Each structure stands twice: as C-alpha cells, then as structure tokens.
Amino acid sequence: MNDRVVVTGAAGFIGGHVCQALLDAGYSVTGLDNFDPFYDRAIKEDTVGELKAQRTFSFVEGDIRDSGVLNQVLRGTGVVVHLAARAGVRPSIEDPVLYSSVNVEGTVCLLEQCRRAGVRRVVFGSSSSVYGDATPVPFSEEAAAVAPVSPYAATKRAGELLCQVYSDLYDMRIAALRFFTVYGPKQRPDLAIHRFTRLLTSRSPIQQFGDGSTERDYTHVSDILKGVIGAVRWTESEDPLLEIFNLGESRTVRLDRLIELIAGALGVEPQIERLPRQPGDVVRTFADISKARRMLGYDPCISIEDGIIDFVEWYRVTHGH
C-alpha cells in the first residue's frame, strides 16, 4: 500500500494538525497550500516550518486550481486529504464568487487531476454547515442536506456531490468528512473561541450575535484527527465507494455557555455586547456520530470543559498572557 499522502490546505489550522498526525502514524506527507490571505501568513508559515523539520514531510506552495502544481504534487501519491478551502460562513456572503471558485472549482480541479494521476483514494474535508436549519437533530448522514443557508455551506455540499460523481465514474474510494466546529491549539484567529479568548484577555467586550441560545457541537482537534486517520485507513480498501461521515463531539453547547467557560478559564468577568443574529448562522449543529464510530473507529473523548482549558493554556503560552 502506497503510504505517501498529499494534504491540501496543509498550512491551515486543521491541515497542519492532520499533517503531523499522519507523520506520527508513519506516513510520508507532501503539503500543498497557497497561503491564502484570509488570515496572517506568518501563522501558517510557523505551522509549515515545524512540519518541514521532519524528514518525511515536504511542502509545495501553490493553488489547487493550478493543474501544473497538482500534477507535480500528485505524482506517486497513494491518497489525498483535501482540506484546502476558502473558510467562513459570514465572509462567504460577502464574496460568494471567490468561495465558489476556490471551494467548487478547486475541488473539481483536484479530483480531475487525481483521476489523471491514477490516485483513487481521497478524504474530503466537508462541513456540518451543509445541514442548514431544516435538518432534524441530531444530524444524520442520511439526511438530504439540500437547504444550506450560506454560500460556504452550498460550496461544501457541491464538493460532496462532485466527490460522488468521481467515485461513481472513475472507481474512486472517497470519504467525505463533515467537521463540526473544530477548535483547539493553533485555531484560526477569526473563529469564536480564539476571538473570545483574545477579547476577554484584553478586557474588551464580546459581540454576541443573538440571545446566546444558538448551539454548536464543538469538537476538539485531537478528536477530529482520530477520525481523519480512520478515514485514510478506510480508503485502503479496493472497493470504489463514497461515504459521508459526521465528525463531531455529539454534544451541543450554547453560545452564552461557551462564553462563560472561556471567561471562567481566564478568571475574568465577560462584558457582552448583544447584537442581532447574523445571516447565514444556523441555530444548532449536533452530530449523530454512530456511523463514524462503527466504520472509522471514531471515539471523541475531550469535553468542552477540558478542551477550553487546553485552548486557554495554549493561548497564554503562545501570546504571553
């Protein structure tokens, strides 16, 4: 079995962690990333620098929409973990054309170059946002997921459908992983837990959109990694197939409770600025993870209480607070 893995989006929050987990599991890894300016390039370069120190890791800077770059990195590859994407629900409403270009065009470019290179195994990073607000909870992979409420969510569902087409037409084995609000050390600075921690540390007010009752299935990145490695191993079977898997904690946490937990870990009193709910934000995410447990050996174990303490400790060490 070819143990060389290409990870797209390797310099990102989840991508960097996935690269390290694959290296730790004995795979050789080539990372691909275009250092999209969505957030500070220096953060991503730090991630890549740590990975480059390991002899079984190599890195290529480039765009998933560039067939020449893809030809270069896919040669001799056993499996691709495709995590490169333009991220964020709210920003996708501001620039849906860019999101479509990167997330839809980029995904079909990658799948097509995989086909041409003879790569038949893919793990695709999707999102719980595909379920929208119309899906009963807990979200099951069997739900239709046909009513996304943001361009970002629509692009991720489109990516899943493209994976289905390529699996059917070209005998590819593809695992589409629907990530549920991933957090942990090195989390992107724009995401809620990181942003709230930064604001609370500086004694600045937190903007709370809505009444605090929206709920998310927060999932620690170390639990997500177990699911990704399980998915890579699942693709080792020869049978062509697409399967969708939820990777969540299977527990919901209210927004106001999340703020309380972060403030408690920091030992501060939060100042809340209440604003109307934002367009594109779903009311609740909640994963049914029975399929991933059964087929990937996925078994999340880090509670939000322990995970927030872990994140706050990382933040203090990293930022000197």
C-alpha atoms as a PDB file:
ATOM      1  CA  MET A   1       0.000   0.000   0.000  1.00  0.00           C
ATOM      2  CA  ASN A   2       1.346   3.422  -1.018  1.00  0.00           C
ATOM      3  CA  ASP A   3       1.891   5.362   2.212  1.00  0.00           C
ATOM      4  CA  ARG A   4       2.516   8.754   0.588  1.00  0.00           C
ATOM      5  CA  VAL A   5      -0.193  11.301   1.415  1.00  0.00           C
ATOM      6  CA  VAL A   6      -0.827  14.711  -0.120  1.00  0.00           C
ATOM      7  CA  VAL A   7      -2.602  17.159   2.213  1.00  0.00           C
ATOM      8  CA  THR A   8      -4.103  20.258   0.610  1.00  0.00           C
ATOM      9  CA  GLY A   9      -4.542  23.233   2.929  1.00  0.00           C
ATOM     10  CA  ALA A  10      -1.556  21.896   4.873  1.00  0.00           C
ATOM     11  CA  ALA A  11      -0.647  25.260   6.413  1.00  0.00           C
ATOM     12  CA  GLY A  12      -4.083  25.809   7.931  1.00  0.00           C
ATOM     13  CA  PHE A  13      -5.382  25.022  11.414  1.00  0.00           C
ATOM     14  CA  ILE A  14      -6.802  21.567  10.715  1.00  0.00           C
ATOM     15  CA  GLY A  15      -4.381  20.861   7.864  1.00  0.00           C
ATOM     16  CA  GLY A  16      -1.279  21.415   9.974  1.00  0.00           C
ATOM     17  CA  HIS A  17      -2.575  19.126  12.705  1.00  0.00           C
ATOM     18  CA  VAL A  18      -3.526  16.477  10.135  1.00  0.00           C
ATOM     19  CA  CYS A  19      -0.048  16.554   8.584  1.00  0.00           C
ATOM     20  CA  GLN A  20       1.548  15.990  11.981  1.00  0.00           C
ATOM     21  CA  ALA A  21      -0.861  13.178  12.858  1.00  0.00           C
ATOM     22  CA  LEU A  22      -0.117  11.433   9.560  1.00  0.00           C
ATOM     23  CA  LEU A  23       3.639  11.781  10.111  1.00  0.00           C
ATOM     24  CA  ASP A  24       3.232  10.369  13.622  1.00  0.00           C
ATOM     25  CA  ALA A  25       1.283   7.432  12.125  1.00  0.00           C
ATOM     26  CA  GLY A  26       4.170   6.593   9.795  1.00  0.00           C
ATOM     27  CA  TYR A  27       3.016   8.173   6.533  1.00  0.00           C
ATOM     28  CA  SER A  28       5.190  10.370   4.338  1.00  0.00           C
ATOM     29  CA  VAL A  29       3.401  13.646   3.663  1.00  0.00           C
ATOM     30  CA  THR A  30       3.520  16.328   0.995  1.00  0.00           C
ATOM     31  CA  GLY A  31       1.720  19.509   1.989  1.00  0.00           C
ATOM     32  CA  LEU A  32       0.175  21.927  -0.512  1.00  0.00           C
ATOM     33  CA  ASP A  33      -1.017  25.419   0.412  1.00  0.00           C
ATOM     34  CA  ASN A  34      -1.296  28.786  -1.355  1.00  0.00           C
ATOM     35  CA  PHE A  35      -1.086  30.880   1.857  1.00  0.00           C
ATOM     36  CA  ASP A  36      -4.447  32.490   1.188  1.00  0.00           C
ATOM     37  CA  PRO A  37      -4.521  35.943   2.855  1.00  0.00           C
ATOM     38  CA  PHE A  38      -7.719  35.194   4.817  1.00  0.00           C
ATOM     39  CA  TYR A  39      -5.527  35.454   7.915  1.00  0.00           C
ATOM     40  CA  ASP A  40      -1.864  36.226   8.698  1.00  0.00           C
ATOM     41  CA  ARG A  41       0.593  34.316   6.519  1.00  0.00           C
ATOM     42  CA  ALA A  42       3.134  34.265   9.358  1.00  0.00           C
ATOM     43  CA  ILE A  43       0.861  31.972  11.394  1.00  0.00           C
ATOM     44  CA  LYS A  44       0.754  29.488   8.522  1.00  0.00           C
ATOM     45  CA  GLU A  45       4.490  29.740   7.900  1.00  0.00           C
ATOM     46  CA  ASP A  46       5.112  28.814  11.538  1.00  0.00           C
ATOM     47  CA  THR A  47       2.988  25.693  11.038  1.00  0.00           C
ATOM     48  CA  VAL A  48       4.834  24.706   7.862  1.00  0.00           C
ATOM     49  CA  GLY A  49       8.209  25.440   9.458  1.00  0.00           C
ATOM     50  CA  GLU A  50       7.532  22.956  12.261  1.00  0.00           C
ATOM     51  CA  LEU A  51       6.491  20.304   9.741  1.00  0.00           C
ATOM     52  CA  LYS A  52       9.499  20.890   7.471  1.00  0.00           C
ATOM     53  CA  ALA A  53      11.807  19.957  10.328  1.00  0.00           C
ATOM     54  CA  GLN A  54      10.709  16.329   9.826  1.00  0.00           C
ATOM     55  CA  ARG A  55      12.409  14.347   7.071  1.00  0.00           C
ATOM     56  CA  THR A  56       9.253  12.607   5.809  1.00  0.00           C
ATOM     57  CA  PHE A  57       7.486  15.919   5.124  1.00  0.00           C
ATOM     58  CA  SER A  58       7.817  18.069   2.010  1.00  0.00           C
ATOM     59  CA  PHE A  59       5.947  21.218   1.038  1.00  0.00           C
ATOM     60  CA  VAL A  60       4.827  22.902  -2.170  1.00  0.00           C
ATOM     61  CA  GLU A  61       3.343  26.396  -2.289  1.00  0.00           C
ATOM     62  CA  GLY A  62       0.579  26.510  -4.885  1.00  0.00           C
ATOM     63  CA  ASP A  63      -3.126  26.704  -5.671  1.00  0.00           C
ATOM     64  CA  ILE A  64      -5.480  23.731  -6.060  1.00  0.00           C
ATOM     65  CA  ARG A  65      -6.855  25.393  -9.211  1.00  0.00           C
ATOM     66  CA  ASP A  66      -3.425  25.131 -10.888  1.00  0.00           C
ATOM     67  CA  SER A  67      -3.227  21.847 -12.821  1.00  0.00           C
ATOM     68  CA  GLY A  68       0.542  22.153 -13.212  1.00  0.00           C
ATOM     69  CA  VAL A  69       1.057  22.327  -9.458  1.00  0.00           C
ATOM     70  CA  LEU A  70      -1.338  19.434  -8.917  1.00  0.00           C
ATOM     71  CA  ASN A  71       0.486  17.289 -11.466  1.00  0.00           C
ATOM     72  CA  GLN A  72       3.702  17.957  -9.584  1.00  0.00           C
ATOM     73  CA  VAL A  73       2.438  17.030  -6.124  1.00  0.00           C
ATOM     74  CA  LEU A  74       0.183  14.093  -7.062  1.00  0.00           C
ATOM     75  CA  ARG A  75       2.841  12.037  -8.824  1.00  0.00           C
ATOM     76  CA  GLY A  76       3.371   8.818  -6.860  1.00  0.00           C
ATOM     77  CA  THR A  77       0.679   9.625  -4.297  1.00  0.00           C
ATOM     78  CA  GLY A  78      -1.414   6.975  -2.567  1.00  0.00           C
ATOM     79  CA  VAL A  79      -4.132   9.135  -1.031  1.00  0.00           C
ATOM     80  CA  VAL A  80      -5.135  12.809  -0.938  1.00  0.00           C
ATOM     81  CA  VAL A  81      -6.566  14.529   2.124  1.00  0.00           C
ATOM     82  CA  HIS A  82      -8.295  17.565   0.627  1.00  0.00           C
ATOM     83  CA  LEU A  83      -8.684  20.313   3.231  1.00  0.00           C
ATOM     84  CA  ALA A  84      -7.896  23.404   1.138  1.00  0.00           C
ATOM     85  CA  ALA A  85     -10.885  25.755   1.056  1.00  0.00           C
ATOM     86  CA  ARG A  86     -11.939  29.332   1.485  1.00  0.00           C
ATOM     87  CA  ALA A  87     -13.324  29.184   5.035  1.00  0.00           C
ATOM     88  CA  GLY A  88     -16.011  31.071   6.938  1.00  0.00           C
ATOM     89  CA  VAL A  89     -19.783  31.321   6.726  1.00  0.00           C
ATOM     90  CA  ARG A  90     -20.181  35.096   7.109  1.00  0.00           C
ATOM     91  CA  PRO A  91     -17.355  36.092   4.707  1.00  0.00           C
ATOM     92  CA  SER A  92     -18.857  33.801   2.060  1.00  0.00           C
ATOM     93  CA  ILE A  93     -21.936  36.021   1.970  1.00  0.00           C
ATOM     94  CA  GLU A  94     -19.697  38.986   1.141  1.00  0.00           C
ATOM     95  CA  ASP A  95     -17.795  37.220  -1.657  1.00  0.00           C
ATOM     96  CA  PRO A  96     -19.695  34.161  -2.939  1.00  0.00           C
ATOM     97  CA  VAL A  97     -17.882  34.184  -6.299  1.00  0.00           C
ATOM     98  CA  LEU A  98     -14.487  33.695  -4.665  1.00  0.00           C
ATOM     99  CA  TYR A  99     -15.871  30.940  -2.432  1.00  0.00           C
ATOM    100  CA  SER A 100     -17.330  29.150  -5.424  1.00  0.00           C
ATOM    101  CA  SER A 101     -14.051  29.444  -7.322  1.00  0.00           C
ATOM    102  CA  VAL A 102     -11.855  28.051  -4.550  1.00  0.00           C
ATOM    103  CA  ASN A 103     -14.198  25.506  -2.999  1.00  0.00           C
ATOM    104  CA  VAL A 104     -16.062  24.184  -6.043  1.00  0.00           C
ATOM    105  CA  GLU A 105     -13.731  24.807  -8.973  1.00  0.00           C
ATOM    106  CA  GLY A 106     -10.743  23.935  -6.794  1.00  0.00           C
ATOM    107  CA  THR A 107     -12.291  20.641  -5.704  1.00  0.00           C
ATOM    108  CA  VAL A 108     -13.199  19.539  -9.222  1.00  0.00           C
ATOM    109  CA  CYS A 109      -9.700  20.502 -10.441  1.00  0.00           C
ATOM    110  CA  LEU A 110      -8.191  18.345  -7.717  1.00  0.00           C
ATOM    111  CA  LEU A 111     -10.479  15.386  -8.420  1.00  0.00           C
ATOM    112  CA  GLU A 112      -9.761  15.596 -12.138  1.00  0.00           C
ATOM    113  CA  GLN A 113      -6.007  15.657 -11.600  1.00  0.00           C
ATOM    114  CA  CYS A 114      -6.345  12.733  -9.178  1.00  0.00           C
ATOM    115  CA  ARG A 115      -8.117  10.819 -11.936  1.00  0.00           C
ATOM    116  CA  ARG A 116      -5.385  11.625 -14.437  1.00  0.00           C
ATOM    117  CA  ALA A 117      -2.625  10.720 -11.978  1.00  0.00           C
ATOM    118  CA  GLY A 118      -4.259   7.427 -11.052  1.00  0.00           C
ATOM    119  CA  VAL A 119      -4.969   8.472  -7.452  1.00  0.00           C
ATOM    120  CA  ARG A 120      -8.088   6.559  -6.409  1.00  0.00           C
ATOM    121  CA  ARG A 121      -8.246   7.390  -2.692  1.00  0.00           C
ATOM    122  CA  VAL A 122      -9.465  10.764  -1.372  1.00  0.00           C
ATOM    123  CA  VAL A 123     -10.517  12.143   2.010  1.00  0.00           C
ATOM    124  CA  PHE A 124     -12.548  15.329   1.550  1.00  0.00           C
ATOM    125  CA  GLY A 125     -12.975  17.895   4.313  1.00  0.00           C
ATOM    126  CA  SER A 126     -16.616  18.937   4.302  1.00  0.00           C
ATOM    127  CA  SER A 127     -18.650  20.782   6.932  1.00  0.00           C
ATOM    128  CA  SER A 128     -21.629  20.401   9.247  1.00  0.00           C
ATOM    129  CA  SER A 129     -22.927  23.633   7.671  1.00  0.00           C
ATOM    130  CA  VAL A 130     -24.343  21.562   4.783  1.00  0.00           C
ATOM    131  CA  TYR A 131     -27.234  20.506   7.038  1.00  0.00           C
ATOM    132  CA  GLY A 132     -28.648  24.038   7.288  1.00  0.00           C
ATOM    133  CA  ASP A 133     -31.546  24.732   9.622  1.00  0.00           C
ATOM    134  CA  ALA A 134     -34.070  22.281   8.160  1.00  0.00           C
ATOM    135  CA  THR A 135     -32.406  19.015   9.250  1.00  0.00           C
ATOM    136  CA  PRO A 136     -33.729  17.287  12.398  1.00  0.00           C
ATOM    137  CA  VAL A 137     -31.205  16.846  15.227  1.00  0.00           C
ATOM    138  CA  PRO A 138     -29.025  15.004  15.813  1.00  0.00           C
ATOM    139  CA  PHE A 139     -27.851  15.374  12.195  1.00  0.00           C
ATOM    140  CA  SER A 140     -27.622  12.062  10.377  1.00  0.00           C
ATOM    141  CA  GLU A 141     -25.601  11.462   7.212  1.00  0.00           C
ATOM    142  CA  GLU A 142     -28.799  10.026   5.735  1.00  0.00           C
ATOM    143  CA  ALA A 143     -30.470  13.469   5.841  1.00  0.00           C
ATOM    144  CA  ALA A 144     -30.922  15.110   2.448  1.00  0.00           C
ATOM    145  CA  ALA A 145     -28.850  18.253   3.273  1.00  0.00           C
ATOM    146  CA  VAL A 146     -30.455  20.222   0.450  1.00  0.00           C
ATOM    147  CA  ALA A 147     -31.147  23.563   2.189  1.00  0.00           C
ATOM    148  CA  PRO A 148     -27.830  25.280   3.033  1.00  0.00           C
ATOM    149  CA  VAL A 149     -28.139  28.819   4.411  1.00  0.00           C
ATOM    150  CA  SER A 150     -24.811  30.297   3.235  1.00  0.00           C
ATOM    151  CA  PRO A 151     -22.670  30.227   0.097  1.00  0.00           C
ATOM    152  CA  TYR A 152     -19.937  28.466   2.096  1.00  0.00           C
ATOM    153  CA  ALA A 153     -22.323  25.651   3.028  1.00  0.00           C
ATOM    154  CA  ALA A 154     -23.511  25.362  -0.573  1.00  0.00           C
ATOM    155  CA  THR A 155     -19.922  25.069  -1.840  1.00  0.00           C
ATOM    156  CA  LYS A 156     -19.190  22.280   0.617  1.00  0.00           C
ATOM    157  CA  ARG A 157     -22.293  20.352  -0.429  1.00  0.00           C
ATOM    158  CA  ALA A 158     -21.281  20.882  -4.066  1.00  0.00           C
ATOM    159  CA  GLY A 159     -17.878  19.411  -3.225  1.00  0.00           C
ATOM    160  CA  GLU A 160     -19.530  16.316  -1.777  1.00  0.00           C
ATOM    161  CA  LEU A 161     -21.639  15.888  -4.911  1.00  0.00           C
ATOM    162  CA  LEU A 162     -18.557  16.189  -7.113  1.00  0.00           C
ATOM    163  CA  CYS A 163     -16.903  13.504  -5.000  1.00  0.00           C
ATOM    164  CA  GLN A 164     -19.946  11.298  -5.586  1.00  0.00           C
ATOM    165  CA  VAL A 165     -19.669  11.790  -9.351  1.00  0.00           C
ATOM    166  CA  TYR A 166     -15.956  10.969  -9.438  1.00  0.00           C
ATOM    167  CA  SER A 167     -16.432   7.951  -7.210  1.00  0.00           C
ATOM    168  CA  ASP A 168     -19.151   6.597  -9.499  1.00  0.00           C
ATOM    169  CA  LEU A 169     -17.456   7.381 -12.810  1.00  0.00           C
ATOM    170  CA  TYR A 170     -13.844   6.568 -12.017  1.00  0.00           C
ATOM    171  CA  ASP A 171     -13.934   3.893  -9.292  1.00  0.00           C
ATOM    172  CA  MET A 172     -12.590   6.178  -6.577  1.00  0.00           C
ATOM    173  CA  ARG A 173     -12.945   5.496  -2.858  1.00  0.00           C
ATOM    174  CA  ILE A 174     -13.766   8.750  -1.119  1.00  0.00           C
ATOM    175  CA  ALA A 175     -14.555   9.619   2.498  1.00  0.00           C
ATOM    176  CA  ALA A 176     -16.323  12.975   2.901  1.00  0.00           C
ATOM    177  CA  LEU A 177     -15.909  14.187   6.474  1.00  0.00           C
ATOM    178  CA  ARG A 178     -18.396  16.682   7.850  1.00  0.00           C
ATOM    179  CA  PHE A 179     -16.445  18.561  10.529  1.00  0.00           C
ATOM    180  CA  PHE A 180     -18.424  20.075  13.418  1.00  0.00           C
ATOM    181  CA  THR A 181     -16.946  23.383  14.759  1.00  0.00           C
ATOM    182  CA  VAL A 182     -13.354  22.322  15.287  1.00  0.00           C
ATOM    183  CA  TYR A 183     -11.290  24.108  17.943  1.00  0.00           C
ATOM    184  CA  GLY A 184      -8.033  23.626  19.822  1.00  0.00           C
ATOM    185  CA  PRO A 185      -4.414  24.872  19.819  1.00  0.00           C
ATOM    186  CA  LYS A 186      -3.498  26.870  16.692  1.00  0.00           C
ATOM    187  CA  GLN A 187      -7.168  27.559  15.880  1.00  0.00           C
ATOM    188  CA  ARG A 188      -7.718  30.292  13.284  1.00  0.00           C
ATOM    189  CA  PRO A 189      -7.818  33.739  14.931  1.00  0.00           C
ATOM    190  CA  ASP A 190     -11.186  34.612  13.354  1.00  0.00           C
ATOM    191  CA  LEU A 191     -13.051  31.688  14.945  1.00  0.00           C
ATOM    192  CA  ALA A 192     -15.210  32.234  18.010  1.00  0.00           C
ATOM    193  CA  ILE A 193     -13.190  30.501  20.735  1.00  0.00           C
ATOM    194  CA  HIS A 194      -9.934  32.161  19.668  1.00  0.00           C
ATOM    195  CA  ARG A 195     -11.574  35.548  19.164  1.00  0.00           C
ATOM    196  CA  PHE A 196     -13.433  35.424  22.503  1.00  0.00           C
ATOM    197  CA  THR A 197     -10.259  34.413  24.332  1.00  0.00           C
ATOM    198  CA  ARG A 198      -8.348  37.309  22.794  1.00  0.00           C
ATOM    199  CA  LEU A 199     -11.077  39.814  23.676  1.00  0.00           C
ATOM    200  CA  LEU A 200     -11.569  38.537  27.221  1.00  0.00           C
ATOM    201  CA  THR A 201      -7.810  38.576  27.843  1.00  0.00           C
ATOM    202  CA  SER A 202      -7.664  42.253  26.854  1.00  0.00           C
ATOM    203  CA  ARG A 203     -10.824  43.035  28.899  1.00  0.00           C
ATOM    204  CA  SER A 204     -12.649  44.043  25.714  1.00  0.00           C
ATOM    205  CA  PRO A 205     -16.382  43.458  25.187  1.00  0.00           C
ATOM    206  CA  ILE A 206     -17.555  40.399  23.254  1.00  0.00           C
ATOM    207  CA  GLN A 207     -20.056  40.852  20.463  1.00  0.00           C
ATOM    208  CA  GLN A 208     -22.718  38.184  20.998  1.00  0.00           C
ATOM    209  CA  PHE A 209     -24.915  37.740  17.949  1.00  0.00           C
ATOM    210  CA  GLY A 210     -28.396  36.746  19.050  1.00  0.00           C
ATOM    211  CA  ASP A 211     -29.645  35.941  22.540  1.00  0.00           C
ATOM    212  CA  GLY A 212     -26.945  33.357  23.290  1.00  0.00           C
ATOM    213  CA  SER A 213     -29.199  30.370  22.667  1.00  0.00           C
ATOM    214  CA  THR A 214     -27.605  29.206  19.410  1.00  0.00           C
ATOM    215  CA  GLU A 215     -25.849  25.867  19.899  1.00  0.00           C
ATOM    216  CA  ARG A 216     -22.796  24.270  18.352  1.00  0.00           C
ATOM    217  CA  ASP A 217     -21.274  20.809  18.504  1.00  0.00           C
ATOM    218  CA  TYR A 218     -17.726  21.915  19.404  1.00  0.00           C
ATOM    219  CA  THR A 219     -15.122  19.276  18.551  1.00  0.00           C
ATOM    220  CA  HIS A 220     -11.541  19.293  19.787  1.00  0.00           C
ATOM    221  CA  VAL A 221      -8.992  18.983  17.004  1.00  0.00           C
ATOM    222  CA  SER A 222      -7.293  15.981  18.618  1.00  0.00           C
ATOM    223  CA  ASP A 223     -10.587  14.080  18.366  1.00  0.00           C
ATOM    224  CA  ILE A 224     -11.002  15.170  14.732  1.00  0.00           C
ATOM    225  CA  LEU A 225      -7.553  13.773  13.949  1.00  0.00           C
ATOM    226  CA  LYS A 226      -8.620  10.300  15.035  1.00  0.00           C
ATOM    227  CA  GLY A 227     -11.462  10.481  12.530  1.00  0.00           C
ATOM    228  CA  VAL A 228      -9.212  11.698   9.714  1.00  0.00           C
ATOM    229  CA  ILE A 229      -6.655   8.929  10.285  1.00  0.00           C
ATOM    230  CA  GLY A 230      -9.513   6.427  10.457  1.00  0.00           C
ATOM    231  CA  ALA A 231     -10.819   7.752   7.131  1.00  0.00           C
ATOM    232  CA  VAL A 232      -7.383   7.492   5.468  1.00  0.00           C
ATOM    233  CA  ARG A 233      -7.204   3.856   6.581  1.00  0.00           C
ATOM    234  CA  TRP A 234     -10.789   3.245   5.431  1.00  0.00           C
ATOM    235  CA  THR A 235      -9.790   4.266   1.896  1.00  0.00           C
ATOM    236  CA  GLU A 236      -7.220   1.441   1.768  1.00  0.00           C
ATOM    237  CA  SER A 237      -9.974  -0.975   0.691  1.00  0.00           C
ATOM    238  CA  GLU A 238     -10.148  -1.542  -3.055  1.00  0.00           C
ATOM    239  CA  ASP A 239     -13.929  -1.122  -3.309  1.00  0.00           C
ATOM    240  CA  PRO A 240     -14.933   2.133  -5.089  1.00  0.00           C
ATOM    241  CA  LEU A 241     -17.387   3.977  -2.888  1.00  0.00           C
ATOM    242  CA  LEU A 242     -18.257   7.364  -1.442  1.00  0.00           C
ATOM    243  CA  GLU A 243     -19.224   7.522   2.206  1.00  0.00           C
ATOM    244  CA  ILE A 244     -20.105  10.605   4.247  1.00  0.00           C
ATOM    245  CA  PHE A 245     -19.140  10.706   7.926  1.00  0.00           C
ATOM    246  CA  ASN A 246     -20.006  13.164  10.685  1.00  0.00           C
ATOM    247  CA  LEU A 247     -17.037  14.073  12.888  1.00  0.00           C
ATOM    248  CA  GLY A 248     -18.394  15.887  15.929  1.00  0.00           C
ATOM    249  CA  GLU A 249     -18.474  15.535  19.697  1.00  0.00           C
ATOM    250  CA  SER A 250     -22.209  14.674  19.665  1.00  0.00           C
ATOM    251  CA  ARG A 251     -22.946  17.281  22.327  1.00  0.00           C
ATOM    252  CA  THR A 252     -24.308  20.803  21.939  1.00  0.00           C
ATOM    253  CA  VAL A 253     -23.107  23.883  23.806  1.00  0.00           C
ATOM    254  CA  ARG A 254     -24.997  27.180  23.908  1.00  0.00           C
ATOM    255  CA  LEU A 255     -23.155  30.329  22.872  1.00  0.00           C
ATOM    256  CA  ASP A 256     -23.669  32.007  26.261  1.00  0.00           C
ATOM    257  CA  ARG A 257     -22.360  28.864  27.995  1.00  0.00           C
ATOM    258  CA  LEU A 258     -19.271  28.876  25.769  1.00  0.00           C
ATOM    259  CA  ILE A 259     -18.503  32.464  26.757  1.00  0.00           C
ATOM    260  CA  GLU A 260     -18.920  31.543  30.444  1.00  0.00           C
ATOM    261  CA  LEU A 261     -16.475  28.645  30.081  1.00  0.00           C
ATOM    262  CA  ILE A 262     -13.792  30.771  28.415  1.00  0.00           C
ATOM    263  CA  ALA A 263     -14.225  33.603  30.935  1.00  0.00           C
ATOM    264  CA  GLY A 264     -14.030  31.098  33.788  1.00  0.00           C
ATOM    265  CA  ALA A 265     -10.822  29.546  32.439  1.00  0.00           C
ATOM    266  CA  LEU A 266      -9.301  33.031  32.148  1.00  0.00           C
ATOM    267  CA  GLY A 267     -10.621  34.181  35.523  1.00  0.00           C
ATOM    268  CA  VAL A 268     -12.358  37.272  34.147  1.00  0.00           C
ATOM    269  CA  GLU A 269     -15.881  38.699  34.049  1.00  0.00           C
ATOM    270  CA  PRO A 270     -17.152  38.914  30.465  1.00  0.00           C
ATOM    271  CA  GLN A 271     -18.581  42.137  29.041  1.00  0.00           C
ATOM    272  CA  ILE A 272     -21.270  41.273  26.487  1.00  0.00           C
ATOM    273  CA  GLU A 273     -22.414  43.496  23.633  1.00  0.00           C
ATOM    274  CA  ARG A 274     -25.634  41.923  22.308  1.00  0.00           C
ATOM    275  CA  LEU A 275     -26.318  42.220  18.576  1.00  0.00           C
ATOM    276  CA  PRO A 276     -28.905  40.732  16.185  1.00  0.00           C
ATOM    277  CA  ARG A 277     -28.337  37.234  14.834  1.00  0.00           C
ATOM    278  CA  GLN A 278     -26.173  37.145  11.715  1.00  0.00           C
ATOM    279  CA  PRO A 279     -27.414  35.970   8.299  1.00  0.00           C
ATOM    280  CA  GLY A 280     -26.036  32.544   7.403  1.00  0.00           C
ATOM    281  CA  ASP A 281     -25.691  31.365  11.012  1.00  0.00           C
ATOM    282  CA  VAL A 282     -27.606  28.178  11.764  1.00  0.00           C
ATOM    283  CA  VAL A 283     -29.496  27.781  15.034  1.00  0.00           C
ATOM    284  CA  ARG A 284     -27.918  24.472  16.051  1.00  0.00           C
ATOM    285  CA  THR A 285     -25.415  21.826  14.985  1.00  0.00           C
ATOM    286  CA  PHE A 286     -25.496  18.387  16.578  1.00  0.00           C
ATOM    287  CA  ALA A 287     -23.798  15.304  15.140  1.00  0.00           C
ATOM    288  CA  ASP A 288     -25.013  11.739  15.096  1.00  0.00           C
ATOM    289  CA  ILE A 289     -21.607  10.012  15.093  1.00  0.00           C
ATOM    290  CA  SER A 290     -22.741   6.380  15.227  1.00  0.00           C
ATOM    291  CA  LYS A 291     -21.622   5.742  11.622  1.00  0.00           C
ATOM    292  CA  ALA A 292     -18.126   7.139  12.184  1.00  0.00           C
ATOM    293  CA  ARG A 293     -17.843   5.139  15.406  1.00  0.00           C
ATOM    294  CA  ARG A 294     -18.788   1.942  13.582  1.00  0.00           C
ATOM    295  CA  MET A 295     -16.799   2.368  10.378  1.00  0.00           C
ATOM    296  CA  LEU A 296     -13.828   4.580  11.314  1.00  0.00           C
ATOM    297  CA  GLY A 297     -13.285   3.658  14.953  1.00  0.00           C
ATOM    298  CA  TYR A 298     -14.006   7.305  15.793  1.00  0.00           C
ATOM    299  CA  ASP A 299     -14.360   7.870  19.527  1.00  0.00           C
ATOM    300  CA  PRO A 300     -14.224  11.521  20.655  1.00  0.00           C
ATOM    301  CA  CYS A 301     -13.370  11.948  24.308  1.00  0.00           C
ATOM    302  CA  ILE A 302     -12.451  15.590  25.048  1.00  0.00           C
ATOM    303  CA  SER A 303     -15.266  17.511  26.746  1.00  0.00           C
ATOM    304  CA  ILE A 304     -15.799  21.187  26.012  1.00  0.00           C
ATOM    305  CA  GLU A 305     -14.849  21.961  29.622  1.00  0.00           C
ATOM    306  CA  ASP A 306     -11.439  20.253  29.300  1.00  0.00           C
ATOM    307  CA  GLY A 307     -10.973  21.470  25.738  1.00  0.00           C
ATOM    308  CA  ILE A 308     -11.439  25.128  26.681  1.00  0.00           C
ATOM    309  CA  ILE A 309      -8.869  24.817  29.482  1.00  0.00           C
ATOM    310  CA  ASP A 310      -6.463  23.237  26.973  1.00  0.00           C
ATOM    311  CA  PHE A 311      -7.032  26.058  24.493  1.00  0.00           C
ATOM    312  CA  VAL A 312      -6.622  28.809  27.078  1.00  0.00           C
ATOM    313  CA  GLU A 313      -3.347  27.260  28.289  1.00  0.00           C
ATOM    314  CA  TRP A 314      -2.054  27.174  24.691  1.00  0.00           C
ATOM    315  CA  TYR A 315      -3.165  30.783  24.136  1.00  0.00           C
ATOM    316  CA  ARG A 316      -1.372  32.012  27.259  1.00  0.00           C
ATOM    317  CA  VAL A 317       1.860  30.229  26.351  1.00  0.00           C
ATOM    318  CA  THR A 318       1.708  31.424  22.744  1.00  0.00           C
ATOM    319  CA  HIS A 319       0.726  35.027  23.414  1.00  0.00           C
ATOM    320  CA  GLY A 320       2.424  35.567  26.759  1.00  0.00           C
ATOM    321  CA  HIS A 321      -0.677  36.368  28.819  1.00  0.00           C
END
